[in-house]
């Protein structure tokens, strides 16, 4: 098929999400027979059956599962194009930069603004599951991200690594140590988000049973004694809790910080990438607030 019909793709995604033609039609505000015809037309265009339909319900075929994996970035990219065109039509010159907890944007932003004084750099904190979706659909233009990230449809450039710390309840048996090892914490319940494959430790940890989204939720669960966790050092510097202790854990694999954007972007985004690369060393040194202030001042003086 030479041209992908985005409307049909959007209809397909709705059915794939609901696995029910009636509910998908309601969500799309169209009649069910119209939706069925559009799905059949898409199947004819692709030369493949996308759904199986029987008395047990609707299910995706192998071809349907493959299309669903590819459809997300395509639809998000189309949505991002509309956002950028609308912003350009309004005469808006704004760059939205996403960042994970603890990663300072100021060094790169100030270096970038020297070259683009007419572009307003805005910032938004994001969580791990926000990283790829918000870049693909255009809610943010560029982001400081932490690996892992689904790189489909994105350009991802490594910036630096930073050490991790163990996050322990204040009354933990190891809370007074200057540092701990992975072996010291083996077997402790781990407060982590849904994907266990992203855990940085090689030691076995039972799941504490709490799926968290972001640093703040992690700290609350650890403070309540429900388990331990791990954070990048910079995230621990900018996030505190009276009932949580951070202890260095040198033998834990460091965390990779990268800059990411949608694969098809603009020269303005390219220039922010260049600014981020040029200031990566300063940003990496921002392990405490004093360093962050010095880094920001250094960029200002260079400008």
C-alpha atoms as a PDB file:
ATOM      1  CA  UNK A   1       0.000   0.000   0.000  1.00  0.00           C
ATOM      2  CA  UNK A   2       1.586   3.287  -1.104  1.00  0.00           C
ATOM      3  CA  UNK A   3      -0.299   5.617   1.250  1.00  0.00           C
ATOM      4  CA  UNK A   4      -1.411   4.778   4.780  1.00  0.00           C
ATOM      5  CA  UNK A   5      -4.909   6.138   5.436  1.00  0.00           C
ATOM      6  CA  UNK A   6      -4.595   7.657   8.903  1.00  0.00           C
ATOM      7  CA  UNK A   7      -8.354   7.698   9.457  1.00  0.00           C
ATOM      8  CA  UNK A   8      -8.578   3.954   8.849  1.00  0.00           C
ATOM      9  CA  UNK A   9      -5.557   3.476  11.091  1.00  0.00           C
ATOM     10  CA  UNK A  10      -7.253   5.447  13.849  1.00  0.00           C
ATOM     11  CA  UNK A  11     -10.377   3.303  13.457  1.00  0.00           C
ATOM     12  CA  UNK A  12      -8.242   0.151  13.610  1.00  0.00           C
ATOM     13  CA  UNK A  13      -6.507   1.358  16.816  1.00  0.00           C
ATOM     14  CA  UNK A  14      -9.873   1.980  18.478  1.00  0.00           C
ATOM     15  CA  UNK A  15     -11.117  -1.544  17.674  1.00  0.00           C
ATOM     16  CA  UNK A  16      -7.783  -3.032  18.773  1.00  0.00           C
ATOM     17  CA  UNK A  17      -8.064  -1.181  22.076  1.00  0.00           C
ATOM     18  CA  UNK A  18     -11.666  -2.174  22.761  1.00  0.00           C
ATOM     19  CA  UNK A  19     -11.699  -5.568  20.991  1.00  0.00           C
ATOM     20  CA  UNK A  20     -15.353  -4.756  20.387  1.00  0.00           C
ATOM     21  CA  UNK A  21     -16.741  -3.077  17.269  1.00  0.00           C
ATOM     22  CA  UNK A  22     -19.758  -1.582  19.012  1.00  0.00           C
ATOM     23  CA  UNK A  23     -17.787   0.090  21.802  1.00  0.00           C
ATOM     24  CA  UNK A  24     -15.155   1.296  19.341  1.00  0.00           C
ATOM     25  CA  UNK A  25     -17.850   2.822  17.126  1.00  0.00           C
ATOM     26  CA  UNK A  26     -19.316   4.644  20.146  1.00  0.00           C
ATOM     27  CA  UNK A  27     -15.883   5.967  21.066  1.00  0.00           C
ATOM     28  CA  UNK A  28     -15.338   7.205  17.506  1.00  0.00           C
ATOM     29  CA  UNK A  29     -18.899   8.627  17.239  1.00  0.00           C
ATOM     30  CA  UNK A  30     -19.635   6.716  14.049  1.00  0.00           C
ATOM     31  CA  UNK A  31     -22.113   3.962  13.158  1.00  0.00           C
ATOM     32  CA  UNK A  32     -20.900   0.393  13.662  1.00  0.00           C
ATOM     33  CA  UNK A  33     -21.559  -0.658  10.006  1.00  0.00           C
ATOM     34  CA  UNK A  34     -19.407   2.260   8.844  1.00  0.00           C
ATOM     35  CA  UNK A  35     -16.603   1.165  11.159  1.00  0.00           C
ATOM     36  CA  UNK A  36     -16.832  -2.429   9.949  1.00  0.00           C
ATOM     37  CA  UNK A  37     -16.606  -1.295   6.314  1.00  0.00           C
ATOM     38  CA  UNK A  38     -13.555   0.853   7.063  1.00  0.00           C
ATOM     39  CA  UNK A  39     -11.762  -2.050   8.793  1.00  0.00           C
ATOM     40  CA  UNK A  40     -12.556  -4.376   5.866  1.00  0.00           C
ATOM     41  CA  UNK A  41     -11.211  -1.734   3.467  1.00  0.00           C
ATOM     42  CA  UNK A  42      -8.011  -1.445   5.511  1.00  0.00           C
ATOM     43  CA  UNK A  43      -7.596  -5.220   5.475  1.00  0.00           C
ATOM     44  CA  UNK A  44      -8.015  -5.181   1.686  1.00  0.00           C
ATOM     45  CA  UNK A  45      -5.473  -2.362   1.373  1.00  0.00           C
ATOM     46  CA  UNK A  46      -2.938  -4.309   3.445  1.00  0.00           C
ATOM     47  CA  UNK A  47      -3.766  -7.706   2.018  1.00  0.00           C
ATOM     48  CA  UNK A  48      -4.040  -9.180   5.498  1.00  0.00           C
ATOM     49  CA  UNK A  49      -6.720 -10.044   8.031  1.00  0.00           C
ATOM     50  CA  UNK A  50      -6.335  -7.912  11.159  1.00  0.00           C
ATOM     51  CA  UNK A  51      -9.016  -9.403  13.430  1.00  0.00           C
ATOM     52  CA  UNK A  52     -10.658 -12.753  14.018  1.00  0.00           C
ATOM     53  CA  UNK A  53     -14.382 -12.542  14.765  1.00  0.00           C
ATOM     54  CA  UNK A  54     -16.331 -15.443  16.239  1.00  0.00           C
ATOM     55  CA  UNK A  55     -18.876 -16.189  18.969  1.00  0.00           C
ATOM     56  CA  UNK A  56     -16.133 -15.712  21.571  1.00  0.00           C
ATOM     57  CA  UNK A  57     -15.522 -12.128  20.486  1.00  0.00           C
ATOM     58  CA  UNK A  58     -12.894 -10.147  18.593  1.00  0.00           C
ATOM     59  CA  UNK A  59      -9.159 -10.861  18.691  1.00  0.00           C
ATOM     60  CA  UNK A  60      -6.106  -9.525  16.883  1.00  0.00           C
ATOM     61  CA  UNK A  61      -4.337 -11.703  14.329  1.00  0.00           C
ATOM     62  CA  UNK A  62      -0.544 -11.761  14.096  1.00  0.00           C
ATOM     63  CA  UNK A  63      -0.813  -9.128  11.355  1.00  0.00           C
ATOM     64  CA  UNK A  64      -3.102  -7.072  13.564  1.00  0.00           C
ATOM     65  CA  UNK A  65      -0.676  -7.208  16.468  1.00  0.00           C
ATOM     66  CA  UNK A  66       2.130  -6.048  14.192  1.00  0.00           C
ATOM     67  CA  UNK A  67       0.041  -3.173  12.854  1.00  0.00           C
ATOM     68  CA  UNK A  68      -0.926  -2.146  16.384  1.00  0.00           C
ATOM     69  CA  UNK A  69       2.759  -1.979  17.374  1.00  0.00           C
ATOM     70  CA  UNK A  70       3.501   0.236  14.363  1.00  0.00           C
ATOM     71  CA  UNK A  71       0.321   2.332  14.474  1.00  0.00           C
ATOM     72  CA  UNK A  72       1.050   4.144  17.731  1.00  0.00           C
ATOM     73  CA  UNK A  73       4.123   6.063  16.531  1.00  0.00           C
ATOM     74  CA  UNK A  74       2.432   6.858  13.183  1.00  0.00           C
ATOM     75  CA  UNK A  75      -0.698   8.304  14.787  1.00  0.00           C
ATOM     76  CA  UNK A  76       1.317  10.166  17.411  1.00  0.00           C
ATOM     77  CA  UNK A  77       3.557  11.632  14.721  1.00  0.00           C
ATOM     78  CA  UNK A  78       0.532  12.871  12.761  1.00  0.00           C
ATOM     79  CA  UNK A  79      -0.856  14.452  15.932  1.00  0.00           C
ATOM     80  CA  UNK A  80       2.491  16.120  16.598  1.00  0.00           C
ATOM     81  CA  UNK A  81       2.516  17.589  13.083  1.00  0.00           C
ATOM     82  CA  UNK A  82      -0.884  19.164  13.712  1.00  0.00           C
ATOM     83  CA  UNK A  83       0.352  20.634  16.994  1.00  0.00           C
ATOM     84  CA  UNK A  84       3.447  22.142  15.381  1.00  0.00           C
ATOM     85  CA  UNK A  85       1.540  23.559  12.421  1.00  0.00           C
ATOM     86  CA  UNK A  86      -1.049  25.124  14.744  1.00  0.00           C
ATOM     87  CA  UNK A  87       1.706  26.666  16.865  1.00  0.00           C
ATOM     88  CA  UNK A  88       3.419  28.061  13.762  1.00  0.00           C
ATOM     89  CA  UNK A  89       0.133  29.526  12.527  1.00  0.00           C
ATOM     90  CA  UNK A  90      -0.247  31.374  15.844  1.00  0.00           C
ATOM     91  CA  UNK A  91       3.249  32.748  15.486  1.00  0.00           C
ATOM     92  CA  UNK A  92       4.317  30.877  18.605  1.00  0.00           C
ATOM     93  CA  UNK A  93       8.051  30.299  19.099  1.00  0.00           C
ATOM     94  CA  UNK A  94       8.219  27.920  22.045  1.00  0.00           C
ATOM     95  CA  UNK A  95      10.251  24.824  22.786  1.00  0.00           C
ATOM     96  CA  UNK A  96       8.761  22.444  25.371  1.00  0.00           C
ATOM     97  CA  UNK A  97      11.485  20.461  27.141  1.00  0.00           C
ATOM     98  CA  UNK A  98      10.600  17.453  29.274  1.00  0.00           C
ATOM     99  CA  UNK A  99      12.870  16.265  32.068  1.00  0.00           C
ATOM    100  CA  UNK A 100      13.029  13.451  34.614  1.00  0.00           C
ATOM    101  CA  UNK A 101      13.365  14.178  38.311  1.00  0.00           C
ATOM    102  CA  UNK A 102      16.793  15.500  39.266  1.00  0.00           C
ATOM    103  CA  UNK A 103      17.979  16.434  35.751  1.00  0.00           C
ATOM    104  CA  UNK A 104      18.538  20.198  35.439  1.00  0.00           C
ATOM    105  CA  UNK A 105      17.515  21.789  32.142  1.00  0.00           C
ATOM    106  CA  UNK A 106      18.964  25.243  32.857  1.00  0.00           C
ATOM    107  CA  UNK A 107      22.548  24.707  31.533  1.00  0.00           C
ATOM    108  CA  UNK A 108      21.354  23.609  28.063  1.00  0.00           C
ATOM    109  CA  UNK A 109      18.439  26.060  28.031  1.00  0.00           C
ATOM    110  CA  UNK A 110      20.692  29.043  28.650  1.00  0.00           C
ATOM    111  CA  UNK A 111      23.211  27.918  26.041  1.00  0.00           C
ATOM    112  CA  UNK A 112      20.361  27.400  23.567  1.00  0.00           C
ATOM    113  CA  UNK A 113      18.818  30.814  24.273  1.00  0.00           C
ATOM    114  CA  UNK A 114      22.074  32.533  23.317  1.00  0.00           C
ATOM    115  CA  UNK A 115      21.501  31.297  19.762  1.00  0.00           C
ATOM    116  CA  UNK A 116      17.689  31.531  19.834  1.00  0.00           C
ATOM    117  CA  UNK A 117      16.717  34.524  21.991  1.00  0.00           C
ATOM    118  CA  UNK A 118      13.326  34.603  20.234  1.00  0.00           C
ATOM    119  CA  UNK A 119      12.375  31.065  21.354  1.00  0.00           C
ATOM    120  CA  UNK A 120      10.808  30.611  24.786  1.00  0.00           C
ATOM    121  CA  UNK A 121      12.076  27.431  26.479  1.00  0.00           C
ATOM    122  CA  UNK A 122       9.348  25.914  28.634  1.00  0.00           C
ATOM    123  CA  UNK A 123       9.847  22.854  30.836  1.00  0.00           C
ATOM    124  CA  UNK A 124       7.687  20.003  32.102  1.00  0.00           C
ATOM    125  CA  UNK A 125       8.601  17.199  34.475  1.00  0.00           C
ATOM    126  CA  UNK A 126       7.784  13.759  33.094  1.00  0.00           C
ATOM    127  CA  UNK A 127       7.777  10.212  34.471  1.00  0.00           C
ATOM    128  CA  UNK A 128       9.152   7.032  32.926  1.00  0.00           C
ATOM    129  CA  UNK A 129       5.957   5.983  31.171  1.00  0.00           C
ATOM    130  CA  UNK A 130       5.502   9.525  29.789  1.00  0.00           C
ATOM    131  CA  UNK A 131       8.815   9.653  27.965  1.00  0.00           C
ATOM    132  CA  UNK A 132       8.061   8.156  24.558  1.00  0.00           C
ATOM    133  CA  UNK A 133       4.302   8.951  24.280  1.00  0.00           C
ATOM    134  CA  UNK A 134       4.710  12.664  25.035  1.00  0.00           C
ATOM    135  CA  UNK A 135       7.532  13.024  22.530  1.00  0.00           C
ATOM    136  CA  UNK A 136       5.684  11.140  19.810  1.00  0.00           C
ATOM    137  CA  UNK A 137       2.414  13.049  20.123  1.00  0.00           C
ATOM    138  CA  UNK A 138       4.084  16.463  20.313  1.00  0.00           C
ATOM    139  CA  UNK A 139       3.197  17.447  23.875  1.00  0.00           C
ATOM    140  CA  UNK A 140       6.921  17.957  24.410  1.00  0.00           C
ATOM    141  CA  UNK A 141       9.490  18.698  21.714  1.00  0.00           C
ATOM    142  CA  UNK A 142      12.599  17.278  23.339  1.00  0.00           C
ATOM    143  CA  UNK A 143      13.285  15.534  26.639  1.00  0.00           C
ATOM    144  CA  UNK A 144      15.979  14.522  29.062  1.00  0.00           C
ATOM    145  CA  UNK A 145      15.144  10.853  29.593  1.00  0.00           C
ATOM    146  CA  UNK A 146      16.456   7.940  31.572  1.00  0.00           C
ATOM    147  CA  UNK A 147      16.890   4.539  29.942  1.00  0.00           C
ATOM    148  CA  UNK A 148      15.147   2.303  29.199  1.00  0.00           C
ATOM    149  CA  UNK A 149      12.866   3.982  26.660  1.00  0.00           C
ATOM    150  CA  UNK A 150      11.029   2.594  23.634  1.00  0.00           C
ATOM    151  CA  UNK A 151      13.079   4.163  20.834  1.00  0.00           C
ATOM    152  CA  UNK A 152      10.592   3.439  18.013  1.00  0.00           C
ATOM    153  CA  UNK A 153      10.029   6.696  16.136  1.00  0.00           C
ATOM    154  CA  UNK A 154      12.571   8.576  18.270  1.00  0.00           C
ATOM    155  CA  UNK A 155      16.140   9.794  18.019  1.00  0.00           C
ATOM    156  CA  UNK A 156      17.962   9.150  21.291  1.00  0.00           C
ATOM    157  CA  UNK A 157      21.395  10.573  22.080  1.00  0.00           C
ATOM    158  CA  UNK A 158      23.384   9.483  25.172  1.00  0.00           C
ATOM    159  CA  UNK A 159      24.588  12.352  27.384  1.00  0.00           C
ATOM    160  CA  UNK A 160      26.132  10.916  30.544  1.00  0.00           C
ATOM    161  CA  UNK A 161      25.759   8.295  33.264  1.00  0.00           C
ATOM    162  CA  UNK A 162      25.230   8.884  36.953  1.00  0.00           C
ATOM    163  CA  UNK A 163      25.515   6.635  40.016  1.00  0.00           C
ATOM    164  CA  UNK A 164      22.511   5.301  41.867  1.00  0.00           C
ATOM    165  CA  UNK A 165      21.663   5.291  45.547  1.00  0.00           C
ATOM    166  CA  UNK A 166      19.681   2.815  47.623  1.00  0.00           C
ATOM    167  CA  UNK A 167      16.437   4.233  49.014  1.00  0.00           C
ATOM    168  CA  UNK A 168      15.822   2.854  52.518  1.00  0.00           C
ATOM    169  CA  UNK A 169      13.290   3.480  55.303  1.00  0.00           C
ATOM    170  CA  UNK A 170      14.806   5.660  58.035  1.00  0.00           C
ATOM    171  CA  UNK A 171      14.697   2.754  60.500  1.00  0.00           C
ATOM    172  CA  UNK A 172      16.335   0.236  58.144  1.00  0.00           C
ATOM    173  CA  UNK A 173      19.175  -1.886  59.565  1.00  0.00           C
ATOM    174  CA  UNK A 174      21.601  -0.373  56.984  1.00  0.00           C
ATOM    175  CA  UNK A 175      20.392   3.228  57.120  1.00  0.00           C
ATOM    176  CA  UNK A 176      23.477   4.421  59.025  1.00  0.00           C
ATOM    177  CA  UNK A 177      26.029   2.940  56.603  1.00  0.00           C
ATOM    178  CA  UNK A 178      28.264   5.147  54.455  1.00  0.00           C
ATOM    179  CA  UNK A 179      27.577   2.814  51.538  1.00  0.00           C
ATOM    180  CA  UNK A 180      25.986  -0.564  50.863  1.00  0.00           C
ATOM    181  CA  UNK A 181      26.389  -3.345  48.300  1.00  0.00           C
ATOM    182  CA  UNK A 182      23.903  -5.266  46.210  1.00  0.00           C
ATOM    183  CA  UNK A 183      24.656  -8.319  48.354  1.00  0.00           C
ATOM    184  CA  UNK A 184      23.716  -6.384  51.512  1.00  0.00           C
ATOM    185  CA  UNK A 185      20.215  -5.782  50.136  1.00  0.00           C
ATOM    186  CA  UNK A 186      19.590  -9.111  48.374  1.00  0.00           C
ATOM    187  CA  UNK A 187      16.146 -10.515  49.118  1.00  0.00           C
ATOM    188  CA  UNK A 188      14.662  -7.210  50.316  1.00  0.00           C
ATOM    189  CA  UNK A 189      11.185  -6.425  48.898  1.00  0.00           C
ATOM    190  CA  UNK A 190      11.602  -3.969  46.021  1.00  0.00           C
ATOM    191  CA  UNK A 191       9.307  -1.024  45.326  1.00  0.00           C
ATOM    192  CA  UNK A 192       9.473  -0.684  41.548  1.00  0.00           C
ATOM    193  CA  UNK A 193       7.267   0.092  38.588  1.00  0.00           C
ATOM    194  CA  UNK A 194       5.522  -2.522  36.509  1.00  0.00           C
ATOM    195  CA  UNK A 195       8.387  -3.804  34.324  1.00  0.00           C
ATOM    196  CA  UNK A 196      10.783  -5.949  36.398  1.00  0.00           C
ATOM    197  CA  UNK A 197      13.212  -6.159  33.443  1.00  0.00           C
ATOM    198  CA  UNK A 198      14.238  -2.555  34.142  1.00  0.00           C
ATOM    199  CA  UNK A 199      15.459  -3.281  37.672  1.00  0.00           C
ATOM    200  CA  UNK A 200      19.126  -2.228  37.899  1.00  0.00           C
ATOM    201  CA  UNK A 201      20.172  -4.908  40.387  1.00  0.00           C
ATOM    202  CA  UNK A 202      21.361  -8.374  39.436  1.00  0.00           C
ATOM    203  CA  UNK A 203      20.361  -9.743  42.836  1.00  0.00           C
ATOM    204  CA  UNK A 204      16.938 -11.344  43.396  1.00  0.00           C
ATOM    205  CA  UNK A 205      14.321  -9.119  45.013  1.00  0.00           C
ATOM    206  CA  UNK A 206      10.701 -10.081  45.653  1.00  0.00           C
ATOM    207  CA  UNK A 207       8.224  -7.575  44.275  1.00  0.00           C
ATOM    208  CA  UNK A 208       6.864  -5.481  47.143  1.00  0.00           C
ATOM    209  CA  UNK A 209       3.485  -5.508  45.397  1.00  0.00           C
ATOM    210  CA  UNK A 210       3.287  -1.772  44.781  1.00  0.00           C
ATOM    211  CA  UNK A 211       3.550  -0.369  41.285  1.00  0.00           C
ATOM    212  CA  UNK A 212       4.786   3.196  41.511  1.00  0.00           C
ATOM    213  CA  UNK A 213       4.782   6.080  39.085  1.00  0.00           C
ATOM    214  CA  UNK A 214       7.522   8.543  39.817  1.00  0.00           C
ATOM    215  CA  UNK A 215       9.858   9.474  42.640  1.00  0.00           C
ATOM    216  CA  UNK A 216       7.241  10.844  45.020  1.00  0.00           C
ATOM    217  CA  UNK A 217       5.226   7.605  45.088  1.00  0.00           C
ATOM    218  CA  UNK A 218       8.432   5.603  45.521  1.00  0.00           C
ATOM    219  CA  UNK A 219       9.435   7.631  48.579  1.00  0.00           C
ATOM    220  CA  UNK A 220       6.003   7.259  50.192  1.00  0.00           C
ATOM    221  CA  UNK A 221       6.040   3.459  49.873  1.00  0.00           C
ATOM    222  CA  UNK A 222       9.625   3.149  51.113  1.00  0.00           C
ATOM    223  CA  UNK A 223       8.903   5.491  54.045  1.00  0.00           C
ATOM    224  CA  UNK A 224       5.978   3.260  54.993  1.00  0.00           C
ATOM    225  CA  UNK A 225       8.371   0.292  55.242  1.00  0.00           C
ATOM    226  CA  UNK A 226       6.955  -1.574  52.273  1.00  0.00           C
ATOM    227  CA  UNK A 227      10.311  -2.170  50.634  1.00  0.00           C
ATOM    228  CA  UNK A 228      13.493  -0.562  49.331  1.00  0.00           C
ATOM    229  CA  UNK A 229      14.186   1.070  45.992  1.00  0.00           C
ATOM    230  CA  UNK A 230      16.923   2.645  43.879  1.00  0.00           C
ATOM    231  CA  UNK A 231      17.214   6.139  42.422  1.00  0.00           C
ATOM    232  CA  UNK A 232      19.689   8.091  40.360  1.00  0.00           C
ATOM    233  CA  UNK A 233      21.804  10.242  42.676  1.00  0.00           C
ATOM    234  CA  UNK A 234      20.529  13.512  41.204  1.00  0.00           C
ATOM    235  CA  UNK A 235      16.901  12.496  41.776  1.00  0.00           C
ATOM    236  CA  UNK A 236      17.724  11.882  45.445  1.00  0.00           C
ATOM    237  CA  UNK A 237      19.347  15.311  45.756  1.00  0.00           C
ATOM    238  CA  UNK A 238      16.239  17.133  44.573  1.00  0.00           C
ATOM    239  CA  UNK A 239      13.719  14.841  46.345  1.00  0.00           C
ATOM    240  CA  UNK A 240      13.664  14.416  50.103  1.00  0.00           C
ATOM    241  CA  UNK A 241      11.444  12.712  52.670  1.00  0.00           C
ATOM    242  CA  UNK A 242      11.853  12.821  56.473  1.00  0.00           C
ATOM    243  CA  UNK A 243      11.390   9.056  56.776  1.00  0.00           C
ATOM    244  CA  UNK A 244      13.707   7.993  53.944  1.00  0.00           C
ATOM    245  CA  UNK A 245      17.498   7.611  53.869  1.00  0.00           C
ATOM    246  CA  UNK A 246      19.677   7.555  50.742  1.00  0.00           C
ATOM    247  CA  UNK A 247      22.803   5.393  50.856  1.00  0.00           C
ATOM    248  CA  UNK A 248      25.364   5.139  48.007  1.00  0.00           C
ATOM    249  CA  UNK A 249      25.543   1.713  46.366  1.00  0.00           C
ATOM    250  CA  UNK A 250      28.714   1.817  44.235  1.00  0.00           C
ATOM    251  CA  UNK A 251      28.461  -1.647  42.693  1.00  0.00           C
ATOM    252  CA  UNK A 252      25.020  -0.966  41.196  1.00  0.00           C
ATOM    253  CA  UNK A 253      25.003  -0.270  37.449  1.00  0.00           C
ATOM    254  CA  UNK A 254      24.882   3.495  36.760  1.00  0.00           C
ATOM    255  CA  UNK A 255      21.869   5.134  35.135  1.00  0.00           C
ATOM    256  CA  UNK A 256      22.086   6.400  31.550  1.00  0.00           C
ATOM    257  CA  UNK A 257      20.742   9.889  30.847  1.00  0.00           C
ATOM    258  CA  UNK A 258      19.912  10.691  27.226  1.00  0.00           C
ATOM    259  CA  UNK A 259      18.287  13.413  25.162  1.00  0.00           C
ATOM    260  CA  UNK A 260      15.394  12.307  22.980  1.00  0.00           C
ATOM    261  CA  UNK A 261      13.067  13.793  20.371  1.00  0.00           C
ATOM    262  CA  UNK A 262      10.756  12.570  17.646  1.00  0.00           C
ATOM    263  CA  UNK A 263      12.729  11.264  14.674  1.00  0.00           C
ATOM    264  CA  UNK A 264      11.402  13.999  12.384  1.00  0.00           C
ATOM    265  CA  UNK A 265      11.893  17.316  14.110  1.00  0.00           C
ATOM    266  CA  UNK A 266      13.217  20.788  13.324  1.00  0.00           C
ATOM    267  CA  UNK A 267      16.457  22.749  13.200  1.00  0.00           C
ATOM    268  CA  UNK A 268      15.450  24.347  16.520  1.00  0.00           C
ATOM    269  CA  UNK A 269      15.380  20.914  18.165  1.00  0.00           C
ATOM    270  CA  UNK A 270      18.708  20.099  16.487  1.00  0.00           C
ATOM    271  CA  UNK A 271      20.184  23.207  18.089  1.00  0.00           C
ATOM    272  CA  UNK A 272      18.878  22.185  21.515  1.00  0.00           C
ATOM    273  CA  UNK A 273      20.533  18.781  21.030  1.00  0.00           C
ATOM    274  CA  UNK A 274      23.801  20.597  20.308  1.00  0.00           C
ATOM    275  CA  UNK A 275      23.369  22.771  23.417  1.00  0.00           C
ATOM    276  CA  UNK A 276      22.633  19.718  25.566  1.00  0.00           C
ATOM    277  CA  UNK A 277      25.700  17.898  24.272  1.00  0.00           C
ATOM    278  CA  UNK A 278      27.869  20.968  24.868  1.00  0.00           C
ATOM    279  CA  UNK A 279      26.658  21.315  28.464  1.00  0.00           C
ATOM    280  CA  UNK A 280      26.439  17.605  29.302  1.00  0.00           C
ATOM    281  CA  UNK A 281      29.500  17.727  31.542  1.00  0.00           C
ATOM    282  CA  UNK A 282      28.039  20.624  33.538  1.00  0.00           C
ATOM    283  CA  UNK A 283      24.679  18.873  33.806  1.00  0.00           C
ATOM    284  CA  UNK A 284      26.344  15.635  34.935  1.00  0.00           C
ATOM    285  CA  UNK A 285      28.112  17.495  37.746  1.00  0.00           C
ATOM    286  CA  UNK A 286      24.800  18.693  39.150  1.00  0.00           C
ATOM    287  CA  UNK A 287      24.737  16.071  41.900  1.00  0.00           C
ATOM    288  CA  UNK A 288      23.852  18.691  44.477  1.00  0.00           C
ATOM    289  CA  UNK A 289      22.131  22.048  44.471  1.00  0.00           C
ATOM    290  CA  UNK A 290      25.355  24.011  44.925  1.00  0.00           C
ATOM    291  CA  UNK A 291      26.886  22.371  41.832  1.00  0.00           C
ATOM    292  CA  UNK A 292      23.688  23.038  39.898  1.00  0.00           C
ATOM    293  CA  UNK A 293      23.909  26.753  40.741  1.00  0.00           C
ATOM    294  CA  UNK A 294      27.585  26.867  39.727  1.00  0.00           C
ATOM    295  CA  UNK A 295      26.767  25.104  36.454  1.00  0.00           C
ATOM    296  CA  UNK A 296      23.980  27.520  35.662  1.00  0.00           C
ATOM    297  CA  UNK A 297      26.213  30.524  36.417  1.00  0.00           C
ATOM    298  CA  UNK A 298      28.997  29.081  34.265  1.00  0.00           C
ATOM    299  CA  UNK A 299      26.665  28.771  31.273  1.00  0.00           C
ATOM    300  CA  UNK A 300      25.449  32.340  31.783  1.00  0.00           C
ATOM    301  CA  UNK A 301      29.042  33.630  31.813  1.00  0.00           C
ATOM    302  CA  UNK A 302      29.923  31.656  28.676  1.00  0.00           C
ATOM    303  CA  UNK A 303      26.923  33.214  26.936  1.00  0.00           C
END
